[in-house]
Amino acid sequence: MSQFPHLLYCSMALSGVSIALYSVVLVAVALVSVLASAPDRRKDARTTLSILVRRRSR
């Protein structure tokens, strides 16, 4: 039972890092979709962004 708080802390830290990394990726893709000079690159970035933020029906 003494390992539970440590395990909980590690899982929360991993979750936080994962959320932060996902947020950075979303911002980067959004910036590319707005700032890219080539239309094909903007279209690809928008498609990727729509895949990343797609909500699944339950």
PDB file of N, CA and C in Angstrom:
ATOM      1  N   MET A   1       0.815  -1.194   0.000  1.00  0.00           N
ATOM      2  CA  MET A   1       0.000   0.000   0.000  1.00  0.00           C
ATOM      3  C   MET A   1       0.861   1.262   0.000  1.00  0.00           C
ATOM      4  N   SER A   2       2.093   1.172   0.452  1.00  0.00           N
ATOM      5  CA  SER A   2       2.944   2.357   0.491  1.00  0.00           C
ATOM      6  C   SER A   2       3.387   2.791  -0.902  1.00  0.00           C
ATOM      7  N   GLN A   3       3.266   1.929  -1.904  1.00  0.00           N
ATOM      8  CA  GLN A   3       3.653   2.276  -3.273  1.00  0.00           C
ATOM      9  C   GLN A   3       2.544   3.035  -4.002  1.00  0.00           C
ATOM     10  N   PHE A   4       1.330   2.991  -3.471  1.00  0.00           N
ATOM     11  CA  PHE A   4       0.198   3.620  -4.156  1.00  0.00           C
ATOM     12  C   PHE A   4       0.378   5.129  -4.363  1.00  0.00           C
ATOM     13  N   PRO A   5       0.773   5.903  -3.350  1.00  0.00           N
ATOM     14  CA  PRO A   5       0.955   7.347  -3.590  1.00  0.00           C
ATOM     15  C   PRO A   5       2.021   7.638  -4.646  1.00  0.00           C
ATOM     16  N   HIS A   6       3.084   6.868  -4.648  1.00  0.00           N
ATOM     17  CA  HIS A   6       4.137   7.069  -5.652  1.00  0.00           C
ATOM     18  C   HIS A   6       3.615   6.733  -7.046  1.00  0.00           C
ATOM     19  N   LEU A   7       2.880   5.647  -7.165  1.00  0.00           N
ATOM     20  CA  LEU A   7       2.303   5.257  -8.445  1.00  0.00           C
ATOM     21  C   LEU A   7       1.302   6.295  -8.925  1.00  0.00           C
ATOM     22  N   LEU A   8       0.505   6.820  -8.020  1.00  0.00           N
ATOM     23  CA  LEU A   8      -0.467   7.853  -8.368  1.00  0.00           C
ATOM     24  C   LEU A   8       0.242   9.115  -8.846  1.00  0.00           C
ATOM     25  N   TYR A   9       1.293   9.507  -8.160  1.00  0.00           N
ATOM     26  CA  TYR A   9       2.066  10.685  -8.557  1.00  0.00           C
ATOM     27  C   TYR A   9       2.674  10.489  -9.942  1.00  0.00           C
ATOM     28  N   CYS A  10       3.255   9.343 -10.202  1.00  0.00           N
ATOM     29  CA  CYS A  10       3.887   9.083 -11.504  1.00  0.00           C
ATOM     30  C   CYS A  10       2.859   9.082 -12.625  1.00  0.00           C
ATOM     31  N   SER A  11       1.703   8.495 -12.377  1.00  0.00           N
ATOM     32  CA  SER A  11       0.677   8.461 -13.420  1.00  0.00           C
ATOM     33  C   SER A  11       0.118   9.858 -13.686  1.00  0.00           C
ATOM     34  N   MET A  12      -0.023  10.666 -12.645  1.00  0.00           N
ATOM     35  CA  MET A  12      -0.497  12.036 -12.844  1.00  0.00           C
ATOM     36  C   MET A  12       0.552  12.868 -13.590  1.00  0.00           C
ATOM     37  N   ALA A  13       1.813  12.669 -13.274  1.00  0.00           N
ATOM     38  CA  ALA A  13       2.882  13.390 -13.962  1.00  0.00           C
ATOM     39  C   ALA A  13       2.928  12.990 -15.438  1.00  0.00           C
ATOM     40  N   LEU A  14       2.789  11.717 -15.721  1.00  0.00           N
ATOM     41  CA  LEU A  14       2.781  11.250 -17.104  1.00  0.00           C
ATOM     42  C   LEU A  14       1.583  11.805 -17.859  1.00  0.00           C
ATOM     43  N   SER A  15       0.443  11.848 -17.211  1.00  0.00           N
ATOM     44  CA  SER A  15      -0.746  12.425 -17.842  1.00  0.00           C
ATOM     45  C   SER A  15      -0.539  13.904 -18.147  1.00  0.00           C
ATOM     46  N   GLY A  16       0.043  14.625 -17.221  1.00  0.00           N
ATOM     47  CA  GLY A  16       0.291  16.043 -17.435  1.00  0.00           C
ATOM     48  C   GLY A  16       1.249  16.301 -18.579  1.00  0.00           C
ATOM     49  N   VAL A  17       2.300  15.514 -18.651  1.00  0.00           N
ATOM     50  CA  VAL A  17       3.274  15.658 -19.740  1.00  0.00           C
ATOM     51  C   VAL A  17       2.620  15.311 -21.071  1.00  0.00           C
ATOM     52  N   SER A  18       1.797  14.288 -21.093  1.00  0.00           N
ATOM     53  CA  SER A  18       1.115  13.893 -22.329  1.00  0.00           C
ATOM     54  C   SER A  18       0.173  14.986 -22.806  1.00  0.00           C
ATOM     55  N   ILE A  19      -0.570  15.586 -21.898  1.00  0.00           N
ATOM     56  CA  ILE A  19      -1.493  16.662 -22.261  1.00  0.00           C
ATOM     57  C   ILE A  19      -0.723  17.871 -22.770  1.00  0.00           C
ATOM     58  N   ALA A  20       0.376  18.190 -22.121  1.00  0.00           N
ATOM     59  CA  ALA A  20       1.184  19.329 -22.558  1.00  0.00           C
ATOM     60  C   ALA A  20       1.766  19.090 -23.951  1.00  0.00           C
ATOM     61  N   LEU A  21       2.266  17.899 -24.202  1.00  0.00           N
ATOM     62  CA  LEU A  21       2.833  17.569 -25.509  1.00  0.00           C
ATOM     63  C   LEU A  21       1.759  17.607 -26.596  1.00  0.00           C
ATOM     64  N   TYR A  22       0.587  17.078 -26.313  1.00  0.00           N
ATOM     65  CA  TYR A  22      -0.524  17.094 -27.265  1.00  0.00           C
ATOM     66  C   TYR A  22      -0.925  18.540 -27.585  1.00  0.00           C
ATOM     67  N   SER A  23      -0.937  19.392 -26.561  1.00  0.00           N
ATOM     68  CA  SER A  23      -1.277  20.802 -26.773  1.00  0.00           C
ATOM     69  C   SER A  23      -0.248  21.493 -27.658  1.00  0.00           C
ATOM     70  N   VAL A  24       1.016  21.202 -27.450  1.00  0.00           N
ATOM     71  CA  VAL A  24       2.072  21.791 -28.274  1.00  0.00           C
ATOM     72  C   VAL A  24       1.922  21.342 -29.727  1.00  0.00           C
ATOM     73  N   VAL A  25       1.610  20.084 -29.934  1.00  0.00           N
ATOM     74  CA  VAL A  25       1.419  19.575 -31.300  1.00  0.00           C
ATOM     75  C   VAL A  25       0.228  20.259 -31.955  1.00  0.00           C
ATOM     76  N   LEU A  26      -0.872  20.429 -31.226  1.00  0.00           N
ATOM     77  CA  LEU A  26      -2.042  21.101 -31.789  1.00  0.00           C
ATOM     78  C   LEU A  26      -1.725  22.539 -32.182  1.00  0.00           C
ATOM     79  N   VAL A  27      -1.003  23.248 -31.336  1.00  0.00           N
ATOM     80  CA  VAL A  27      -0.650  24.633 -31.640  1.00  0.00           C
ATOM     81  C   VAL A  27       0.271  24.690 -32.855  1.00  0.00           C
ATOM     82  N   ALA A  28       1.220  23.793 -32.945  1.00  0.00           N
ATOM     83  CA  ALA A  28       2.140  23.780 -34.082  1.00  0.00           C
ATOM     84  C   ALA A  28       1.397  23.511 -35.392  1.00  0.00           C
ATOM     85  N   VAL A  29       0.507  22.555 -35.380  1.00  0.00           N
ATOM     86  CA  VAL A  29      -0.252  22.237 -36.598  1.00  0.00           C
ATOM     87  C   VAL A  29      -1.184  23.388 -36.957  1.00  0.00           C
ATOM     88  N   ALA A  30      -1.786  24.015 -35.958  1.00  0.00           N
ATOM     89  CA  ALA A  30      -2.654  25.158 -36.235  1.00  0.00           C
ATOM     90  C   ALA A  30      -1.858  26.309 -36.841  1.00  0.00           C
ATOM     91  N   LEU A  31      -0.667  26.558 -36.332  1.00  0.00           N
ATOM     92  CA  LEU A  31       0.173  27.623 -36.896  1.00  0.00           C
ATOM     93  C   LEU A  31       0.577  27.324 -38.333  1.00  0.00           C
ATOM     94  N   VAL A  32       0.912  26.082 -38.615  1.00  0.00           N
ATOM     95  CA  VAL A  32       1.281  25.716 -39.986  1.00  0.00           C
ATOM     96  C   VAL A  32       0.084  25.876 -40.911  1.00  0.00           C
ATOM     97  N   SER A  33      -1.102  25.523 -40.433  1.00  0.00           N
ATOM     98  CA  SER A  33      -2.289  25.622 -41.283  1.00  0.00           C
ATOM     99  C   SER A  33      -2.638  27.072 -41.588  1.00  0.00           C
ATOM    100  N   VAL A  34      -2.207  28.001 -40.754  1.00  0.00           N
ATOM    101  CA  VAL A  34      -2.494  29.415 -40.985  1.00  0.00           C
ATOM    102  C   VAL A  34      -1.341  30.109 -41.716  1.00  0.00           C
ATOM    103  N   LEU A  35      -0.110  29.783 -41.359  1.00  0.00           N
ATOM    104  CA  LEU A  35       1.038  30.550 -41.832  1.00  0.00           C
ATOM    105  C   LEU A  35       1.782  29.959 -43.029  1.00  0.00           C
ATOM    106  N   ALA A  36       1.471  28.759 -43.437  1.00  0.00           N
ATOM    107  CA  ALA A  36       2.209  28.142 -44.542  1.00  0.00           C
ATOM    108  C   ALA A  36       1.954  28.893 -45.842  1.00  0.00           C
ATOM    109  N   SER A  37       2.998  29.015 -46.637  1.00  0.00           N
ATOM    110  CA  SER A  37       2.862  29.759 -47.889  1.00  0.00           C
ATOM    111  C   SER A  37       2.291  28.905 -49.016  1.00  0.00           C
ATOM    112  N   ALA A  38       2.524  27.611 -48.970  1.00  0.00           N
ATOM    113  CA  ALA A  38       2.029  26.727 -50.024  1.00  0.00           C
ATOM    114  C   ALA A  38       0.611  26.249 -49.694  1.00  0.00           C
ATOM    115  N   PRO A  39      -0.309  26.351 -50.636  1.00  0.00           N
ATOM    116  CA  PRO A  39      -1.686  25.920 -50.385  1.00  0.00           C
ATOM    117  C   PRO A  39      -1.800  24.428 -50.031  1.00  0.00           C
ATOM    118  N   ASP A  40      -0.954  23.609 -50.651  1.00  0.00           N
ATOM    119  CA  ASP A  40      -1.001  22.168 -50.350  1.00  0.00           C
ATOM    120  C   ASP A  40      -0.612  21.898 -48.907  1.00  0.00           C
ATOM    121  N   ARG A  41       0.389  22.617 -48.429  1.00  0.00           N
ATOM    122  CA  ARG A  41       0.834  22.430 -47.046  1.00  0.00           C
ATOM    123  C   ARG A  41      -0.244  22.902 -46.071  1.00  0.00           C
ATOM    124  N   ARG A  42      -0.918  24.011 -46.386  1.00  0.00           N
ATOM    125  CA  ARG A  42      -2.007  24.490 -45.522  1.00  0.00           C
ATOM    126  C   ARG A  42      -3.141  23.478 -45.488  1.00  0.00           C
ATOM    127  N   LYS A  43      -3.463  22.906 -46.644  1.00  0.00           N
ATOM    128  CA  LYS A  43      -4.547  21.924 -46.704  1.00  0.00           C
ATOM    129  C   LYS A  43      -4.185  20.679 -45.897  1.00  0.00           C
ATOM    130  N   ASP A  44      -2.948  20.207 -46.028  1.00  0.00           N
ATOM    131  CA  ASP A  44      -2.504  19.044 -45.260  1.00  0.00           C
ATOM    132  C   ASP A  44      -2.535  19.324 -43.763  1.00  0.00           C
ATOM    133  N   ALA A  45      -2.123  20.515 -43.360  1.00  0.00           N
ATOM    134  CA  ALA A  45      -2.135  20.864 -41.944  1.00  0.00           C
ATOM    135  C   ALA A  45      -3.557  20.949 -41.419  1.00  0.00           C
ATOM    136  N   ARG A  46      -4.466  21.494 -42.207  1.00  0.00           N
ATOM    137  CA  ARG A  46      -5.870  21.555 -41.769  1.00  0.00           C
ATOM    138  C   ARG A  46      -6.466  20.164 -41.643  1.00  0.00           C
ATOM    139  N   THR A  47      -6.129  19.290 -42.565  1.00  0.00           N
ATOM    140  CA  THR A  47      -6.618  17.912 -42.483  1.00  0.00           C
ATOM    141  C   THR A  47      -6.084  17.231 -41.232  1.00  0.00           C
ATOM    142  N   THR A  48      -4.796  17.408 -40.964  1.00  0.00           N
ATOM    143  CA  THR A  48      -4.201  16.828 -39.753  1.00  0.00           C
ATOM    144  C   THR A  48      -4.839  17.397 -38.505  1.00  0.00           C
ATOM    145  N   LEU A  49      -5.089  18.695 -38.488  1.00  0.00           N
ATOM    146  CA  LEU A  49      -5.730  19.327 -37.336  1.00  0.00           C
ATOM    147  C   LEU A  49      -7.130  18.785 -37.127  1.00  0.00           C
ATOM    148  N   SER A  50      -7.867  18.576 -38.196  1.00  0.00           N
ATOM    149  CA  SER A  50      -9.221  18.037 -38.042  1.00  0.00           C
ATOM    150  C   SER A  50      -9.188  16.602 -37.518  1.00  0.00           C
ATOM    151  N   ILE A  51      -8.168  15.850 -37.879  1.00  0.00           N
ATOM    152  CA  ILE A  51      -8.027  14.489 -37.356  1.00  0.00           C
ATOM    153  C   ILE A  51      -7.683  14.520 -35.870  1.00  0.00           C
ATOM    154  N   LEU A  52      -6.801  15.445 -35.466  1.00  0.00           N
ATOM    155  CA  LEU A  52      -6.376  15.508 -34.072  1.00  0.00           C
ATOM    156  C   LEU A  52      -7.481  15.955 -33.134  1.00  0.00           C
ATOM    157  N   VAL A  53      -8.361  16.828 -33.579  1.00  0.00           N
ATOM    158  CA  VAL A  53      -9.383  17.355 -32.676  1.00  0.00           C
ATOM    159  C   VAL A  53     -10.765  16.756 -32.938  1.00  0.00           C
ATOM    160  N   ARG A  54     -10.821  15.727 -33.731  1.00  0.00           N
ATOM    161  CA  ARG A  54     -12.105  15.082 -34.038  1.00  0.00           C
ATOM    162  C   ARG A  54     -12.679  14.461 -32.767  1.00  0.00           C
ATOM    163  N   ARG A  55     -13.955  14.682 -32.581  1.00  0.00           N
ATOM    164  CA  ARG A  55     -14.645  14.093 -31.421  1.00  0.00           C
ATOM    165  C   ARG A  55     -15.344  12.826 -31.877  1.00  0.00           C
ATOM    166  N   ARG A  56     -15.232  11.820 -31.074  1.00  0.00           N
ATOM    167  CA  ARG A  56     -15.867  10.543 -31.394  1.00  0.00           C
ATOM    168  C   ARG A  56     -17.231  10.483 -30.727  1.00  0.00           C
ATOM    169  N   SER A  57     -18.215   9.981 -31.456  1.00  0.00           N
ATOM    170  CA  SER A  57     -19.549   9.829 -30.860  1.00  0.00           C
ATOM    171  C   SER A  57     -19.551   8.645 -29.914  1.00  0.00           C
ATOM    172  N   ARG A  58     -20.315   8.760 -28.881  1.00  0.00           N
ATOM    173  CA  ARG A  58     -20.348   7.702 -27.870  1.00  0.00           C
ATOM    174  C   ARG A  58     -21.471   6.743 -28.085  1.00  0.00           C
TER     175      ARG A  58
END
